[in-house]
Amino acid sequence: AVPVLAMAGGLVAKPKLAPTTGTLPTHGPLFVGLVIGVILIIGGLEFFPAQALGPIVEHFQMLNALSAVR
């Protein structure tokens, strides 16, 4: 907790700068779209391996069950 407080104190001590042409405003639709896009991409990458490998694992489990019956 102490390092986090030290970093927060360092950020508070910095002077505020005026926005420039390279500053991305956080109150515009572009920022909202980027945040939603990142959330969807991260969420998709979280579930993609299970969705892609699920049928393959199910097939091997089915083959294993069939070989155990014989």
C-alpha atoms as a PDB file:
ATOM      1  CA  ALA A   1       0.000   0.000   0.000  1.00  0.00           C
ATOM      2  CA  VAL A   2       2.900   2.351   0.691  1.00  0.00           C
ATOM      3  CA  PRO A   3       4.323   2.266  -2.879  1.00  0.00           C
ATOM      4  CA  VAL A   4       0.871   3.002  -4.278  1.00  0.00           C
ATOM      5  CA  LEU A   5       0.522   5.990  -1.967  1.00  0.00           C
ATOM      6  CA  ALA A   6       3.989   7.176  -2.999  1.00  0.00           C
ATOM      7  CA  MET A   7       3.047   6.960  -6.694  1.00  0.00           C
ATOM      8  CA  ALA A   8      -0.238   8.783  -6.027  1.00  0.00           C
ATOM      9  CA  GLY A   9       1.637  11.529  -4.198  1.00  0.00           C
ATOM     10  CA  GLY A  10       4.035  11.849  -7.103  1.00  0.00           C
ATOM     11  CA  LEU A  11       1.157  12.192  -9.563  1.00  0.00           C
ATOM     12  CA  VAL A  12      -0.560  14.803  -7.397  1.00  0.00           C
ATOM     13  CA  ALA A  13       2.634  16.869  -7.236  1.00  0.00           C
ATOM     14  CA  LYS A  14       2.906  17.053 -11.037  1.00  0.00           C
ATOM     15  CA  PRO A  15       1.665  20.276 -12.629  1.00  0.00           C
ATOM     16  CA  LYS A  16      -1.442  20.083 -14.807  1.00  0.00           C
ATOM     17  CA  LEU A  17      -0.772  20.633 -18.497  1.00  0.00           C
ATOM     18  CA  ALA A  18      -3.133  22.152 -21.027  1.00  0.00           C
ATOM     19  CA  PRO A  19      -4.563  19.738 -23.598  1.00  0.00           C
ATOM     20  CA  THR A  20      -2.813  19.727 -26.965  1.00  0.00           C
ATOM     21  CA  THR A  21      -3.765  18.396 -30.385  1.00  0.00           C
ATOM     22  CA  GLY A  22      -2.369  14.986 -29.433  1.00  0.00           C
ATOM     23  CA  THR A  23      -4.523  14.658 -26.313  1.00  0.00           C
ATOM     24  CA  LEU A  24      -7.374  12.140 -26.471  1.00  0.00           C
ATOM     25  CA  PRO A  25     -10.396  13.633 -24.705  1.00  0.00           C
ATOM     26  CA  THR A  26     -12.058  11.183 -22.323  1.00  0.00           C
ATOM     27  CA  HIS A  27     -15.523  12.710 -22.738  1.00  0.00           C
ATOM     28  CA  GLY A  28     -15.944  12.049 -26.459  1.00  0.00           C
ATOM     29  CA  PRO A  29     -17.478   9.188 -28.427  1.00  0.00           C
ATOM     30  CA  LEU A  30     -14.066   8.105 -29.748  1.00  0.00           C
ATOM     31  CA  PHE A  31     -12.830   7.332 -26.239  1.00  0.00           C
ATOM     32  CA  VAL A  32     -16.042   5.488 -25.383  1.00  0.00           C
ATOM     33  CA  GLY A  33     -15.750   3.445 -28.577  1.00  0.00           C
ATOM     34  CA  LEU A  34     -12.127   2.577 -27.867  1.00  0.00           C
ATOM     35  CA  VAL A  35     -12.919   1.484 -24.306  1.00  0.00           C
ATOM     36  CA  ILE A  36     -15.849  -0.671 -25.437  1.00  0.00           C
ATOM     37  CA  GLY A  37     -13.731  -2.147 -28.240  1.00  0.00           C
ATOM     38  CA  VAL A  38     -10.905  -3.055 -25.870  1.00  0.00           C
ATOM     39  CA  ILE A  39     -13.358  -4.633 -23.417  1.00  0.00           C
ATOM     40  CA  LEU A  40     -14.934  -6.713 -26.200  1.00  0.00           C
ATOM     41  CA  ILE A  41     -11.557  -7.824 -27.568  1.00  0.00           C
ATOM     42  CA  ILE A  42     -10.243  -8.809 -24.135  1.00  0.00           C
ATOM     43  CA  GLY A  43     -13.509 -10.599 -23.349  1.00  0.00           C
ATOM     44  CA  GLY A  44     -13.426 -12.429 -26.673  1.00  0.00           C
ATOM     45  CA  LEU A  45      -9.838 -13.516 -26.187  1.00  0.00           C
ATOM     46  CA  GLU A  46     -10.758 -14.764 -22.716  1.00  0.00           C
ATOM     47  CA  PHE A  47     -13.374 -17.217 -24.040  1.00  0.00           C
ATOM     48  CA  PHE A  48     -11.936 -18.043 -27.480  1.00  0.00           C
ATOM     49  CA  PRO A  49      -9.675 -20.953 -26.392  1.00  0.00           C
ATOM     50  CA  ALA A  50     -12.538 -22.728 -24.620  1.00  0.00           C
ATOM     51  CA  GLN A  51     -14.865 -22.200 -27.569  1.00  0.00           C
ATOM     52  CA  ALA A  52     -12.261 -23.390 -30.074  1.00  0.00           C
ATOM     53  CA  LEU A  53     -10.945 -26.385 -28.141  1.00  0.00           C
ATOM     54  CA  GLY A  54     -14.225 -27.509 -26.540  1.00  0.00           C
ATOM     55  CA  PRO A  55     -15.423 -29.680 -29.454  1.00  0.00           C
ATOM     56  CA  ILE A  56     -11.972 -31.283 -29.817  1.00  0.00           C
ATOM     57  CA  VAL A  57     -11.822 -32.226 -26.133  1.00  0.00           C
ATOM     58  CA  GLU A  58     -15.395 -33.502 -26.281  1.00  0.00           C
ATOM     59  CA  HIS A  59     -14.486 -35.722 -29.237  1.00  0.00           C
ATOM     60  CA  PHE A  60     -11.537 -37.257 -27.373  1.00  0.00           C
ATOM     61  CA  GLN A  61     -13.718 -37.843 -24.299  1.00  0.00           C
ATOM     62  CA  MET A  62     -16.291 -39.584 -26.479  1.00  0.00           C
ATOM     63  CA  LEU A  63     -13.611 -41.802 -28.043  1.00  0.00           C
ATOM     64  CA  ASN A  64     -12.255 -42.634 -24.589  1.00  0.00           C
ATOM     65  CA  ALA A  65     -15.740 -43.601 -23.373  1.00  0.00           C
ATOM     66  CA  LEU A  66     -16.299 -45.804 -26.436  1.00  0.00           C
ATOM     67  CA  SER A  67     -12.985 -47.605 -25.959  1.00  0.00           C
ATOM     68  CA  ALA A  68     -13.779 -48.232 -22.270  1.00  0.00           C
ATOM     69  CA  VAL A  69     -17.046 -49.973 -23.207  1.00  0.00           C
ATOM     70  CA  ARG A  70     -15.314 -52.522 -25.435  1.00  0.00           C
END
